[in-house]
Amino acid sequence: MNFRQEERFNDLYFEETELKGFSRSVAELEWLLLVLVLLYYVAPELYLEHPGALVAGMAVFAAFVLSFRYLNFYRRESRWKIAIETWAMIAFITWTLMFTGRIESPLLNLYILVIITSGLTLGKLMTLLELALIAACYLWLGHALYANGIFTVGYFSDVMAKFTPFLLVAYLTTMLSADLHYAKQAFQKLSHTDELTGISNRRGVASALAQELEKATRYSRPFSVLMIDADDLKATNDKFGHDAGDRLVKLLAGTIGNSLRAADTLARVGGDEFLVLMPETDGQRALEAAKRIATAVESASVLISGQLVRTTVTIGIASCPEDGRTPEDLMQKADAAMYAGKKRGKSRVTPYSELV
């Protein structure tokens, strides 16, 4: 998993989390809609035609919500699921209006609940389509009232007066949703990207580790973690300054990244410490890859104050399942192997299995 793939995975992960939150809110709106119609039904002296039909509509809508949401009729959260629920809400509201005064019903503004839901979760295009569907329902409900003046200016003015609040709510909700989405994307990128090197940081790689562990558990696939630490970066900082140290860190990130496969993930998890996640890689193959990385870093250099500055790295390796079965355990053991290599003289590659 390269950085772009990892970024895509993080986007999908956060989108799924966001959809779960939206889904819970939609469920509450569905029950709120049902309660409002029920309150109208039991309220005295309000116009109500065919009470039995309204009760039947409430029963069908309640059964839909229960089966669709709580009986796992549609298991995976998605925007299509929310779209289907909003269509069901439109159908229920339209059915309710048929028996509570049609377009003169005080419940006409229940359509706003659908528009808000769509604007916040489904985007501008779907919101416009649902607004068009609501408009079609409104025209159908009012056809008897306007049958003789459907093409008159008065008819058009009346329709626009009724629909202006819907249009304003749709516009404001979709605009707010777009702004929130942009802010969320920017925050995610900042929170999962190392500012200096542009690669993933500790938080960003955590989700990739969790995903890889899930695959390893489900499909019995090995994976390995490399903990890489630069040797003598402090000496470079002391001699040339911290800007030189930053340039050396960038060199390390580029050199290590160029030595990896597209499926691997590189993250900076400390000042001069890097983590590499290698999917479907056992301990032996991880050892070979670590040696290639060490050789590549040793051959790389950066020009600082007229001098070619080089460094080496010490690498610790931990593999799943033999060395651990949780991300925390694997990172700790790879870290322990790396520090053991430091004690043995630095510029070493040490599998955790050698410490046991």
Protein backbone atom coordinates (compact mmCIF):
# COMPACT_ATOMS: atom_id res chain seq x y z
CA MET A 1 0.00 0.00 0.00
CA ASN A 2 1.70 3.19 -1.13
CA PHE A 3 0.85 6.59 0.31
CA ARG A 4 -1.93 7.31 -2.17
CA GLN A 5 -3.46 3.88 -1.59
CA GLU A 6 -3.20 4.38 2.15
CA GLU A 7 -4.77 7.82 1.84
CA ARG A 8 -7.60 6.24 -0.16
CA PHE A 9 -8.06 3.58 2.52
CA ASN A 10 -8.17 6.25 5.23
CA ASP A 11 -10.78 8.16 3.21
CA LEU A 12 -12.89 5.00 2.92
CA TYR A 13 -12.46 4.25 6.61
CA PHE A 14 -13.56 7.73 7.67
CA GLU A 15 -16.39 7.73 5.13
CA GLU A 16 -17.68 4.47 6.58
CA THR A 17 -17.46 5.92 10.09
CA GLU A 18 -19.25 9.06 8.91
CA LEU A 19 -21.97 7.00 7.23
CA LYS A 20 -22.57 5.09 10.44
CA GLY A 21 -23.13 8.38 12.22
CA PHE A 22 -25.42 9.64 9.46
CA SER A 23 -27.30 6.34 9.52
CA ARG A 24 -28.06 6.69 13.22
CA SER A 25 -29.32 10.23 12.61
CA VAL A 26 -31.54 9.06 9.74
CA ALA A 27 -33.04 6.41 12.02
CA GLU A 28 -33.91 9.08 14.58
CA LEU A 29 -35.47 11.25 11.87
CA GLU A 30 -37.55 8.31 10.65
CA TRP A 31 -38.93 7.72 14.14
CA LEU A 32 -39.46 11.47 14.59
CA LEU A 33 -41.44 11.52 11.36
CA LEU A 34 -43.58 8.63 12.57
CA VAL A 35 -44.17 10.31 15.95
CA LEU A 36 -45.23 13.59 14.32
CA VAL A 37 -47.76 11.83 12.13
CA LEU A 38 -49.02 9.86 15.14
CA LEU A 39 -49.45 13.08 17.13
CA TYR A 40 -51.48 14.54 14.27
CA TYR A 41 -53.60 11.39 14.22
CA VAL A 42 -54.48 11.58 17.93
CA ALA A 43 -54.86 15.37 18.04
CA PRO A 44 -58.51 16.48 18.32
CA GLU A 45 -60.35 18.53 15.69
CA LEU A 46 -57.75 18.19 12.94
CA TYR A 47 -58.85 17.25 9.44
CA LEU A 48 -58.42 13.55 8.82
CA GLU A 49 -59.78 11.58 5.89
CA HIS A 50 -59.79 7.76 6.07
CA PRO A 51 -58.12 7.24 9.49
CA GLY A 52 -57.67 3.55 8.71
CA ALA A 53 -55.54 4.33 5.65
CA LEU A 54 -53.32 6.63 7.70
CA VAL A 55 -52.87 3.96 10.39
CA ALA A 56 -52.01 1.44 7.67
CA GLY A 57 -49.42 3.83 6.26
CA MET A 58 -47.83 4.29 9.70
CA ALA A 59 -47.74 0.53 10.21
CA VAL A 60 -46.10 -0.10 6.83
CA PHE A 61 -43.52 2.65 7.38
CA ALA A 62 -42.70 1.36 10.88
CA ALA A 63 -42.31 -2.17 9.48
CA PHE A 64 -39.99 -0.82 6.78
CA VAL A 65 -37.78 0.96 9.33
CA LEU A 66 -37.62 -2.09 11.60
CA SER A 67 -36.80 -4.54 8.81
CA PHE A 68 -34.44 -2.26 6.91
CA ARG A 69 -32.49 -1.08 9.93
CA TYR A 70 -32.86 -3.45 12.84
CA LEU A 71 -33.37 -6.82 11.16
CA ASN A 72 -30.28 -6.38 8.96
CA PHE A 73 -32.25 -6.36 5.73
CA TYR A 74 -29.52 -4.12 4.34
CA ARG A 75 -26.37 -4.81 6.32
CA ARG A 76 -23.70 -2.55 4.91
CA GLU A 77 -23.86 1.20 5.47
CA SER A 78 -23.83 3.13 2.21
CA ARG A 79 -25.24 6.26 0.64
CA TRP A 80 -27.57 4.10 -1.43
CA LYS A 81 -29.08 2.77 1.77
CA ILE A 82 -29.72 6.30 3.00
CA ALA A 83 -31.15 7.23 -0.42
CA ILE A 84 -33.63 4.32 -0.26
CA GLU A 85 -34.67 5.43 3.22
CA THR A 86 -35.28 9.00 2.04
CA TRP A 87 -37.42 7.69 -0.83
CA ALA A 88 -39.44 5.71 1.70
CA MET A 89 -39.83 8.87 3.78
CA ILE A 90 -41.10 10.78 0.73
CA ALA A 91 -43.59 8.01 -0.02
CA PHE A 92 -44.84 7.97 3.59
CA ILE A 93 -45.17 11.75 3.76
CA THR A 94 -47.05 11.82 0.45
CA TRP A 95 -49.38 9.07 1.66
CA THR A 96 -49.97 11.02 4.89
CA LEU A 97 -50.74 14.25 3.03
CA MET A 98 -53.37 12.45 0.94
CA PHE A 99 -55.50 12.00 4.06
CA THR A 100 -54.66 15.17 6.01
CA GLY A 101 -55.59 17.90 3.54
CA ARG A 102 -53.20 17.27 0.63
CA ILE A 103 -51.25 20.47 -0.17
CA GLU A 104 -53.21 22.36 2.48
CA SER A 105 -52.08 19.90 5.15
CA PRO A 106 -50.08 21.35 8.07
CA LEU A 107 -47.78 18.35 7.63
CA LEU A 108 -46.56 19.54 4.21
CA ASN A 109 -43.31 20.83 5.73
CA LEU A 110 -42.34 17.29 6.75
CA TYR A 111 -40.70 17.15 3.32
CA ILE A 112 -38.05 19.48 4.79
CA LEU A 113 -36.80 16.58 6.95
CA VAL A 114 -36.07 14.63 3.77
CA ILE A 115 -34.34 17.57 2.11
CA ILE A 116 -32.08 18.15 5.13
CA THR A 117 -31.22 14.46 5.32
CA SER A 118 -30.40 14.31 1.62
CA GLY A 119 -28.45 17.57 1.63
CA LEU A 120 -26.21 16.47 4.49
CA THR A 121 -25.58 12.91 3.34
CA LEU A 122 -26.24 12.41 -0.38
CA GLY A 123 -24.79 15.47 -2.07
CA LYS A 124 -26.11 18.20 -4.34
CA LEU A 125 -27.20 16.08 -7.32
CA MET A 126 -29.22 13.58 -5.29
CA THR A 127 -30.77 16.42 -3.29
CA LEU A 128 -31.90 18.12 -6.50
CA LEU A 129 -33.37 14.85 -7.76
CA GLU A 130 -35.23 14.33 -4.51
CA LEU A 131 -36.43 17.92 -4.59
CA ALA A 132 -37.78 17.23 -8.11
CA LEU A 133 -39.50 14.09 -6.80
CA ILE A 134 -41.08 16.10 -3.97
CA ALA A 135 -42.21 18.71 -6.51
CA ALA A 136 -43.83 15.97 -8.60
CA CYS A 137 -45.61 14.63 -5.51
CA TYR A 138 -46.79 18.15 -4.65
CA LEU A 139 -48.18 18.70 -8.17
CA TRP A 140 -49.92 15.33 -8.03
CA LEU A 141 -51.44 16.10 -4.62
CA GLY A 142 -52.63 19.53 -5.82
CA HIS A 143 -53.89 18.57 -9.26
CA ALA A 144 -57.54 18.69 -8.17
CA LEU A 145 -57.19 22.14 -6.65
CA TYR A 146 -55.36 23.61 -9.63
CA ALA A 147 -56.98 21.61 -12.40
CA ASN A 148 -58.62 24.64 -13.95
CA GLY A 149 -55.70 27.03 -13.62
CA ILE A 150 -52.61 24.93 -13.98
CA PHE A 151 -50.99 27.25 -16.53
CA THR A 152 -51.92 30.54 -14.87
CA VAL A 153 -49.57 33.04 -13.25
CA GLY A 154 -51.46 32.67 -9.99
CA TYR A 155 -50.86 28.91 -9.96
CA PHE A 156 -47.16 29.35 -10.63
CA SER A 157 -46.85 32.02 -7.91
CA ASP A 158 -48.61 29.81 -5.38
CA VAL A 159 -46.37 26.84 -6.16
CA MET A 160 -43.24 28.97 -5.87
CA ALA A 161 -44.43 30.40 -2.57
CA LYS A 162 -44.90 26.90 -1.21
CA PHE A 163 -41.58 25.64 -2.61
CA THR A 164 -39.31 28.56 -1.81
CA PRO A 165 -38.60 27.28 1.74
CA PHE A 166 -37.75 23.85 0.29
CA LEU A 167 -35.35 25.39 -2.24
CA LEU A 168 -33.66 27.54 0.39
CA VAL A 169 -33.24 24.61 2.79
CA ALA A 170 -31.82 22.43 -0.01
CA TYR A 171 -29.36 25.11 -1.10
CA LEU A 172 -28.16 25.98 2.41
CA THR A 173 -27.89 22.35 3.51
CA THR A 174 -25.90 21.21 0.48
CA MET A 175 -23.61 24.24 0.74
CA LEU A 176 -23.00 23.54 4.43
CA SER A 177 -22.40 19.87 3.71
CA ALA A 178 -19.83 20.71 1.00
CA ASP A 179 -17.98 23.04 3.36
CA LEU A 180 -17.95 20.43 6.11
CA HIS A 181 -16.72 17.77 3.68
CA TYR A 182 -13.87 19.99 2.49
CA ALA A 183 -12.88 20.77 6.08
CA LYS A 184 -13.00 17.08 6.98
CA GLN A 185 -10.79 16.11 4.03
CA ALA A 186 -8.25 18.80 4.94
CA PHE A 187 -8.23 17.72 8.58
CA GLN A 188 -7.79 14.06 7.68
CA LYS A 189 -4.86 14.85 5.41
CA LEU A 190 -3.17 16.98 8.05
CA SER A 191 -3.77 14.50 10.85
CA HIS A 192 -2.45 11.49 8.90
CA THR A 193 0.48 13.05 7.04
CA ASP A 194 3.95 13.84 8.30
CA GLU A 195 4.54 17.51 7.62
CA LEU A 196 8.26 17.25 6.89
CA THR A 197 8.41 14.24 4.58
CA GLY A 198 4.88 14.09 3.16
CA ILE A 199 4.57 10.39 4.03
CA SER A 200 2.18 8.88 6.52
CA ASN A 201 2.58 9.48 10.26
CA ARG A 202 1.94 7.17 13.22
CA ARG A 203 -1.79 7.89 13.23
CA GLY A 204 -2.07 7.32 9.51
CA VAL A 205 -0.31 3.96 9.52
CA ALA A 206 -2.37 2.69 12.47
CA SER A 207 -5.44 2.19 10.26
CA ALA A 208 -3.35 0.33 7.67
CA LEU A 209 -1.96 -1.92 10.42
CA ALA A 210 -5.45 -2.67 11.68
CA GLN A 211 -6.62 -3.56 8.17
CA GLU A 212 -3.61 -5.79 7.55
CA LEU A 213 -4.14 -7.58 10.86
CA GLU A 214 -7.75 -8.24 9.90
CA LYS A 215 -6.64 -9.75 6.57
CA ALA A 216 -3.96 -11.82 8.28
CA THR A 217 -6.48 -13.19 10.77
CA ARG A 218 -9.18 -13.88 8.20
CA TYR A 219 -7.05 -15.35 5.41
CA SER A 220 -4.01 -16.63 7.38
CA ARG A 221 -1.67 -14.30 5.51
CA PRO A 222 1.64 -13.23 7.07
CA PHE A 223 2.85 -9.64 7.24
CA SER A 224 5.88 -7.96 8.73
CA VAL A 225 6.75 -4.68 10.38
CA LEU A 226 10.14 -2.96 10.05
CA MET A 227 11.21 -0.37 12.60
CA ILE A 228 13.97 1.78 11.10
CA ASP A 229 16.07 4.28 13.04
CA ALA A 230 18.75 6.58 11.61
CA ASP A 231 22.22 6.25 13.13
CA ASP A 232 23.98 9.40 14.33
CA LEU A 233 21.36 11.93 13.21
CA LYS A 234 22.11 13.88 16.38
CA ALA A 235 25.72 14.27 15.26
CA THR A 236 24.52 15.76 11.96
CA ASN A 237 22.25 18.17 13.82
CA ASP A 238 25.06 19.22 16.16
CA LYS A 239 27.53 19.76 13.34
CA PHE A 240 25.38 21.34 10.64
CA GLY A 241 22.18 22.44 12.40
CA HIS A 242 18.63 21.17 12.48
CA ASP A 243 17.90 22.20 8.88
CA ALA A 244 20.59 19.74 7.81
CA GLY A 245 18.98 17.09 10.00
CA ASP A 246 15.64 17.73 8.31
CA ARG A 247 17.24 17.32 4.89
CA LEU A 248 18.74 14.03 6.02
CA VAL A 249 15.36 12.83 7.27
CA LYS A 250 13.85 13.69 3.87
CA LEU A 251 16.68 11.76 2.19
CA LEU A 252 15.93 8.75 4.37
CA ALA A 253 12.22 8.89 3.59
CA GLY A 254 12.87 9.07 -0.15
CA THR A 255 15.53 6.33 -0.13
CA ILE A 256 13.47 3.93 1.96
CA GLY A 257 10.35 4.64 -0.08
CA ASN A 258 12.17 3.90 -3.34
CA SER A 259 13.27 0.55 -1.93
CA LEU A 260 9.75 -0.62 -1.16
CA ARG A 261 7.02 -2.28 -3.17
CA ALA A 262 3.86 -0.44 -4.13
CA ALA A 263 1.95 -2.59 -1.62
CA ASP A 264 4.15 -1.52 1.31
CA THR A 265 3.41 1.41 3.62
CA LEU A 266 6.07 3.80 4.91
CA ALA A 267 5.41 6.07 7.89
CA ARG A 268 7.49 8.42 9.97
CA VAL A 269 6.73 7.60 13.61
CA GLY A 270 9.42 9.68 15.35
CA GLY A 271 12.10 12.28 14.73
CA ASP A 272 14.38 9.92 12.83
CA GLU A 273 12.34 6.75 13.17
CA PHE A 274 10.35 5.10 10.40
CA LEU A 275 7.95 2.18 10.25
CA VAL A 276 7.39 -0.02 7.22
CA LEU A 277 4.36 -2.27 6.91
CA MET A 278 4.92 -5.13 4.48
CA PRO A 279 1.72 -7.06 3.62
CA GLU A 280 1.92 -10.77 2.79
CA THR A 281 5.58 -10.89 3.76
CA ASP A 282 7.05 -13.50 6.10
CA GLY A 283 10.09 -13.00 8.28
CA GLN A 284 12.63 -14.23 5.72
CA ARG A 285 11.40 -11.98 2.94
CA ALA A 286 11.20 -9.06 5.36
CA LEU A 287 14.84 -9.70 6.33
CA GLU A 288 15.89 -9.58 2.68
CA ALA A 289 13.94 -6.35 2.13
CA ALA A 290 15.47 -4.78 5.25
CA LYS A 291 18.97 -5.56 4.03
CA ARG A 292 18.19 -3.91 0.68
CA ILE A 293 16.95 -0.83 2.49
CA ALA A 294 20.06 -0.67 4.67
CA THR A 295 22.31 -0.95 1.62
CA ALA A 296 20.37 1.73 -0.27
CA VAL A 297 20.56 4.16 2.68
CA GLU A 298 24.27 3.55 3.11
CA SER A 299 24.84 4.44 -0.55
CA ALA A 300 22.73 7.63 -0.43
CA SER A 301 24.08 11.05 0.47
CA VAL A 302 23.04 14.68 0.69
CA LEU A 303 25.21 17.76 0.04
CA ILE A 304 25.32 20.01 3.13
CA SER A 305 27.63 23.00 3.41
CA GLY A 306 29.80 21.63 0.63
CA GLN A 307 30.12 18.18 2.22
CA LEU A 308 28.49 14.90 1.25
CA VAL A 309 26.73 13.67 4.36
CA ARG A 310 25.82 10.02 4.70
CA THR A 311 24.15 7.94 7.37
CA THR A 312 23.21 4.38 8.13
CA VAL A 313 20.12 2.81 9.64
CA THR A 314 19.42 0.14 12.20
CA ILE A 315 16.38 -2.01 11.47
CA GLY A 316 14.27 -4.26 13.70
CA ILE A 317 11.85 -6.80 12.25
CA ALA A 318 8.72 -8.40 13.70
CA SER A 319 6.38 -10.68 11.77
CA CYS A 320 2.82 -11.84 12.20
CA PRO A 321 1.86 -14.41 13.41
CA GLU A 322 5.11 -15.77 14.87
CA ASP A 323 6.17 -12.61 16.73
CA GLY A 324 2.78 -11.16 17.63
CA ARG A 325 -0.87 -10.89 16.69
CA THR A 326 -1.70 -7.27 17.49
CA PRO A 327 -0.35 -4.04 15.95
CA GLU A 328 0.89 -2.86 19.35
CA ASP A 329 2.72 -6.12 20.04
CA LEU A 330 4.37 -6.17 16.61
CA MET A 331 5.49 -2.54 16.86
CA GLN A 332 6.91 -3.09 20.34
CA LYS A 333 8.83 -6.19 19.25
CA ALA A 334 10.15 -4.57 16.09
CA ASP A 335 11.24 -1.64 18.28
CA ALA A 336 12.92 -4.03 20.73
CA ALA A 337 14.78 -5.72 17.88
CA MET A 338 15.89 -2.35 16.52
CA TYR A 339 17.27 -1.23 19.90
CA ALA A 340 19.03 -4.58 20.28
CA GLY A 341 20.75 -3.84 16.96
CA LYS A 342 21.77 -0.40 18.26
CA LYS A 343 23.43 -2.02 21.28
CA ARG A 344 25.34 -4.39 19.02
CA GLY A 345 26.96 -1.58 17.10
CA LYS A 346 24.30 0.09 14.94
CA SER A 347 23.90 -0.30 11.16
CA ARG A 348 22.37 -3.71 11.75
CA VAL A 349 19.28 -5.63 10.69
CA THR A 350 17.82 -7.66 13.54
CA PRO A 351 14.75 -9.95 13.42
CA TYR A 352 12.95 -10.24 16.72
CA SER A 353 13.28 -14.03 16.47
CA GLU A 354 17.02 -13.64 17.15
CA LEU A 355 16.25 -12.17 20.58
CA VAL A 356 14.10 -15.07 21.72
